[in-house]
Amino acid sequence: MSLPQLLSQKEIEQNSSQLDNWSVLENRYLVSVFEFPDFVNALEFTVKVGLVAEEMQHHPEINLSWGKVALEITTDDMGGLTELDFLFALKVNKLFE
């Protein structure tokens, strides 16, 4: 399996314009915060995100707190953002719908 390629600034802008609820940080990370009515719903969402991460073998930083899940994703091996990060974000958005 070949490593994904780093995206150019233009590609990052094009991909991020199609993502609701995500921001690009330092042109290296995708970050988002998802809000829930309570801890249990936030925890259930975190577990679902973890299953997507395992399926994709692409693991985000996850910060779980009462009613909130903060995610940060990057392709560490490449030192920045790749198509894989945006695909992960799209899958997470579908979980949240």
N, C-alpha and C. Protein backbone atom coordinates (compact mmCIF):
# COMPACT_ATOMS: atom_id res chain seq x y z
N MET A 1 0.84 -1.18 0.00
CA MET A 1 0.00 0.00 0.00
C MET A 1 0.88 1.24 0.00
N SER A 2 0.67 2.13 -0.95
CA SER A 2 1.49 3.33 -1.03
C SER A 2 0.94 4.41 -0.11
N LEU A 3 1.85 5.25 0.35
CA LEU A 3 1.44 6.34 1.23
C LEU A 3 0.69 7.40 0.43
N PRO A 4 -0.31 8.01 1.05
CA PRO A 4 -1.02 9.09 0.36
C PRO A 4 -0.09 10.29 0.18
N GLN A 5 -0.38 11.12 -0.80
CA GLN A 5 0.44 12.28 -1.11
C GLN A 5 -0.07 13.51 -0.37
N LEU A 6 0.87 14.36 0.05
CA LEU A 6 0.49 15.63 0.66
C LEU A 6 -0.30 16.46 -0.34
N LEU A 7 -1.29 17.16 0.16
CA LEU A 7 -2.10 18.02 -0.69
C LEU A 7 -1.48 19.41 -0.77
N SER A 8 -1.66 20.05 -1.92
CA SER A 8 -1.20 21.42 -2.09
C SER A 8 -2.14 22.37 -1.35
N GLN A 9 -1.74 23.61 -1.18
CA GLN A 9 -2.58 24.62 -0.54
C GLN A 9 -3.93 24.71 -1.25
N LYS A 10 -3.90 24.73 -2.57
CA LYS A 10 -5.14 24.83 -3.35
C LYS A 10 -6.03 23.61 -3.12
N GLU A 11 -5.44 22.43 -3.10
CA GLU A 11 -6.21 21.20 -2.86
C GLU A 11 -6.81 21.19 -1.45
N ILE A 12 -6.05 21.68 -0.47
CA ILE A 12 -6.57 21.76 0.90
C ILE A 12 -7.77 22.70 0.94
N GLU A 13 -7.66 23.85 0.30
CA GLU A 13 -8.76 24.81 0.27
C GLU A 13 -9.99 24.23 -0.42
N GLN A 14 -9.79 23.54 -1.55
CA GLN A 14 -10.91 22.95 -2.27
C GLN A 14 -11.60 21.88 -1.42
N ASN A 15 -10.82 21.01 -0.80
CA ASN A 15 -11.40 19.95 0.02
C ASN A 15 -12.09 20.50 1.26
N SER A 16 -11.48 21.48 1.91
CA SER A 16 -12.06 22.00 3.15
C SER A 16 -13.34 22.78 2.89
N SER A 17 -13.48 23.35 1.71
CA SER A 17 -14.71 24.09 1.39
C SER A 17 -15.92 23.17 1.31
N GLN A 18 -15.68 21.87 1.16
CA GLN A 18 -16.76 20.89 1.07
C GLN A 18 -17.08 20.25 2.42
N LEU A 19 -16.39 20.67 3.47
CA LEU A 19 -16.58 20.07 4.79
C LEU A 19 -17.25 21.05 5.74
N ASP A 20 -18.40 20.66 6.26
CA ASP A 20 -19.02 21.45 7.32
C ASP A 20 -18.38 21.06 8.64
N ASN A 21 -18.25 22.02 9.52
CA ASN A 21 -17.85 21.78 10.90
C ASN A 21 -16.37 21.44 11.08
N TRP A 22 -15.54 21.57 10.06
CA TRP A 22 -14.11 21.29 10.18
C TRP A 22 -13.32 22.53 9.79
N SER A 23 -12.19 22.74 10.45
CA SER A 23 -11.29 23.84 10.13
C SER A 23 -9.90 23.28 9.86
N VAL A 24 -9.15 23.99 9.04
CA VAL A 24 -7.76 23.64 8.77
C VAL A 24 -6.89 24.46 9.72
N LEU A 25 -6.01 23.79 10.42
CA LEU A 25 -5.11 24.44 11.36
C LEU A 25 -3.68 24.27 10.88
N GLU A 26 -2.99 25.38 10.70
CA GLU A 26 -1.57 25.39 10.30
C GLU A 26 -1.32 24.62 9.00
N ASN A 27 -2.33 24.49 8.15
CA ASN A 27 -2.22 23.72 6.91
C ASN A 27 -1.73 22.29 7.14
N ARG A 28 -1.89 21.81 8.37
CA ARG A 28 -1.41 20.48 8.71
C ARG A 28 -2.45 19.60 9.37
N TYR A 29 -3.45 20.21 9.98
CA TYR A 29 -4.44 19.46 10.74
C TYR A 29 -5.86 19.85 10.32
N LEU A 30 -6.76 18.87 10.40
CA LEU A 30 -8.20 19.14 10.34
C LEU A 30 -8.70 19.02 11.76
N VAL A 31 -9.45 20.02 12.21
CA VAL A 31 -9.97 20.01 13.58
C VAL A 31 -11.47 20.27 13.58
N SER A 32 -12.15 19.66 14.54
CA SER A 32 -13.59 19.85 14.67
C SER A 32 -14.03 19.53 16.09
N VAL A 33 -15.14 20.14 16.49
CA VAL A 33 -15.75 19.85 17.79
C VAL A 33 -17.22 19.49 17.53
N PHE A 34 -17.64 18.37 18.07
CA PHE A 34 -19.02 17.91 17.94
C PHE A 34 -19.67 18.00 19.31
N GLU A 35 -20.87 18.57 19.36
CA GLU A 35 -21.55 18.77 20.64
C GLU A 35 -22.76 17.86 20.77
N PHE A 36 -22.97 17.41 22.02
CA PHE A 36 -24.03 16.46 22.34
C PHE A 36 -24.75 16.91 23.61
N PRO A 37 -25.96 16.37 23.84
CA PRO A 37 -26.73 16.80 25.01
C PRO A 37 -26.18 16.27 26.34
N ASP A 38 -25.32 15.26 26.28
CA ASP A 38 -24.81 14.67 27.53
C ASP A 38 -23.55 13.86 27.26
N PHE A 39 -22.98 13.32 28.32
CA PHE A 39 -21.74 12.55 28.21
C PHE A 39 -21.94 11.23 27.47
N VAL A 40 -23.05 10.55 27.73
CA VAL A 40 -23.28 9.24 27.12
C VAL A 40 -23.32 9.34 25.60
N ASN A 41 -24.02 10.34 25.06
CA ASN A 41 -24.08 10.51 23.61
C ASN A 41 -22.70 10.85 23.03
N ALA A 42 -21.95 11.66 23.74
CA ALA A 42 -20.59 11.99 23.29
C ALA A 42 -19.71 10.74 23.29
N LEU A 43 -19.85 9.92 24.31
CA LEU A 43 -19.08 8.68 24.40
C LEU A 43 -19.45 7.72 23.28
N GLU A 44 -20.74 7.56 23.01
CA GLU A 44 -21.18 6.67 21.93
C GLU A 44 -20.62 7.14 20.58
N PHE A 45 -20.61 8.45 20.35
CA PHE A 45 -20.04 9.00 19.11
C PHE A 45 -18.54 8.70 19.04
N THR A 46 -17.86 8.84 20.17
CA THR A 46 -16.42 8.56 20.22
C THR A 46 -16.12 7.12 19.83
N VAL A 47 -16.92 6.20 20.31
CA VAL A 47 -16.73 4.79 19.97
C VAL A 47 -16.92 4.58 18.47
N LYS A 48 -17.95 5.21 17.89
CA LYS A 48 -18.18 5.09 16.45
C LYS A 48 -17.02 5.66 15.65
N VAL A 49 -16.49 6.80 16.09
CA VAL A 49 -15.33 7.40 15.43
C VAL A 49 -14.14 6.44 15.52
N GLY A 50 -13.98 5.81 16.67
CA GLY A 50 -12.89 4.84 16.83
C GLY A 50 -13.01 3.66 15.89
N LEU A 51 -14.22 3.21 15.65
CA LEU A 51 -14.42 2.09 14.71
C LEU A 51 -14.08 2.50 13.28
N VAL A 52 -14.44 3.73 12.90
CA VAL A 52 -14.05 4.24 11.57
C VAL A 52 -12.53 4.33 11.48
N ALA A 53 -11.90 4.82 12.53
CA ALA A 53 -10.44 4.94 12.55
C ALA A 53 -9.77 3.58 12.37
N GLU A 54 -10.28 2.57 13.04
CA GLU A 54 -9.72 1.23 12.90
C GLU A 54 -9.93 0.69 11.49
N GLU A 55 -11.13 0.90 10.96
CA GLU A 55 -11.44 0.43 9.60
C GLU A 55 -10.49 1.07 8.58
N MET A 56 -10.22 2.37 8.76
CA MET A 56 -9.37 3.10 7.81
C MET A 56 -7.89 3.02 8.16
N GLN A 57 -7.57 2.50 9.36
CA GLN A 57 -6.20 2.53 9.88
C GLN A 57 -5.64 3.95 9.81
N HIS A 58 -6.45 4.88 10.29
CA HIS A 58 -6.12 6.31 10.29
C HIS A 58 -6.73 6.90 11.55
N HIS A 59 -5.89 7.22 12.51
CA HIS A 59 -6.37 7.49 13.87
C HIS A 59 -6.22 8.95 14.26
N PRO A 60 -7.32 9.57 14.68
CA PRO A 60 -7.29 10.97 15.09
C PRO A 60 -6.90 11.11 16.56
N GLU A 61 -6.57 12.33 16.93
CA GLU A 61 -6.51 12.69 18.34
C GLU A 61 -7.95 12.94 18.76
N ILE A 62 -8.37 12.35 19.86
CA ILE A 62 -9.75 12.50 20.34
C ILE A 62 -9.73 13.04 21.76
N ASN A 63 -10.51 14.09 21.98
CA ASN A 63 -10.67 14.64 23.31
C ASN A 63 -12.16 14.57 23.65
N LEU A 64 -12.50 13.71 24.59
CA LEU A 64 -13.88 13.50 25.01
C LEU A 64 -14.11 14.24 26.32
N SER A 65 -15.15 15.06 26.36
CA SER A 65 -15.54 15.73 27.60
C SER A 65 -17.07 15.71 27.68
N TRP A 66 -17.62 16.26 28.73
CA TRP A 66 -19.07 16.22 28.90
C TRP A 66 -19.75 16.95 27.75
N GLY A 67 -20.45 16.20 26.90
CA GLY A 67 -21.21 16.77 25.80
C GLY A 67 -20.40 17.25 24.62
N LYS A 68 -19.10 16.95 24.58
CA LYS A 68 -18.26 17.41 23.46
C LYS A 68 -17.23 16.35 23.09
N VAL A 69 -16.99 16.27 21.79
CA VAL A 69 -15.90 15.45 21.27
C VAL A 69 -15.10 16.32 20.31
N ALA A 70 -13.84 16.55 20.64
CA ALA A 70 -12.95 17.33 19.77
C ALA A 70 -12.04 16.35 19.03
N LEU A 71 -11.93 16.56 17.71
CA LEU A 71 -11.11 15.68 16.88
C LEU A 71 -10.05 16.50 16.16
N GLU A 72 -8.88 15.90 16.02
CA GLU A 72 -7.80 16.48 15.24
C GLU A 72 -7.20 15.36 14.40
N ILE A 73 -7.11 15.58 13.09
CA ILE A 73 -6.62 14.55 12.19
C ILE A 73 -5.53 15.11 11.28
N THR A 74 -4.53 14.29 11.03
CA THR A 74 -3.46 14.62 10.10
C THR A 74 -2.87 13.30 9.63
N THR A 75 -2.08 13.34 8.58
CA THR A 75 -1.35 12.15 8.16
C THR A 75 0.08 12.32 8.64
N ASP A 76 0.35 11.81 9.84
CA ASP A 76 1.66 12.00 10.47
C ASP A 76 2.82 11.53 9.60
N ASP A 77 2.65 10.39 8.94
CA ASP A 77 3.72 9.85 8.09
C ASP A 77 4.15 10.82 7.00
N MET A 78 3.20 11.66 6.57
CA MET A 78 3.49 12.60 5.49
C MET A 78 3.74 14.02 6.01
N GLY A 79 3.45 14.24 7.28
CA GLY A 79 3.69 15.55 7.87
C GLY A 79 2.67 16.61 7.47
N GLY A 80 1.46 16.19 7.15
CA GLY A 80 0.44 17.16 6.78
C GLY A 80 -0.84 16.50 6.33
N LEU A 81 -1.61 17.23 5.55
CA LEU A 81 -2.93 16.78 5.12
C LEU A 81 -2.87 16.04 3.78
N THR A 82 -3.63 14.94 3.73
CA THR A 82 -3.76 14.14 2.52
C THR A 82 -5.25 13.88 2.28
N GLU A 83 -5.55 13.25 1.15
CA GLU A 83 -6.94 12.87 0.84
C GLU A 83 -7.53 12.01 1.96
N LEU A 84 -6.71 11.20 2.58
CA LEU A 84 -7.16 10.31 3.64
C LEU A 84 -7.78 11.10 4.80
N ASP A 85 -7.20 12.24 5.14
CA ASP A 85 -7.75 13.07 6.22
C ASP A 85 -9.13 13.59 5.88
N PHE A 86 -9.31 14.03 4.65
CA PHE A 86 -10.61 14.56 4.25
C PHE A 86 -11.65 13.46 4.13
N LEU A 87 -11.24 12.28 3.67
CA LEU A 87 -12.15 11.14 3.63
C LEU A 87 -12.60 10.76 5.04
N PHE A 88 -11.66 10.76 5.98
CA PHE A 88 -12.00 10.47 7.37
C PHE A 88 -13.01 11.49 7.89
N ALA A 89 -12.77 12.77 7.63
CA ALA A 89 -13.67 13.83 8.10
C ALA A 89 -15.08 13.65 7.52
N LEU A 90 -15.17 13.30 6.25
CA LEU A 90 -16.47 13.07 5.63
C LEU A 90 -17.21 11.92 6.32
N LYS A 91 -16.50 10.85 6.61
CA LYS A 91 -17.10 9.69 7.29
C LYS A 91 -17.59 10.07 8.68
N VAL A 92 -16.81 10.88 9.38
CA VAL A 92 -17.21 11.31 10.72
C VAL A 92 -18.47 12.20 10.64
N ASN A 93 -18.50 13.09 9.65
CA ASN A 93 -19.68 13.93 9.48
C ASN A 93 -20.93 13.09 9.26
N LYS A 94 -20.82 12.01 8.49
CA LYS A 94 -21.96 11.12 8.26
C LYS A 94 -22.41 10.47 9.57
N LEU A 95 -21.46 10.12 10.43
CA LEU A 95 -21.82 9.55 11.73
C LEU A 95 -22.61 10.55 12.58
N PHE A 96 -22.29 11.83 12.43
CA PHE A 96 -22.87 12.85 13.26
C PHE A 96 -24.27 13.23 12.79
N GLU A 97 -24.58 12.98 11.51
CA GLU A 97 -25.88 13.38 10.95
C GLU A 97 -27.04 12.68 11.64
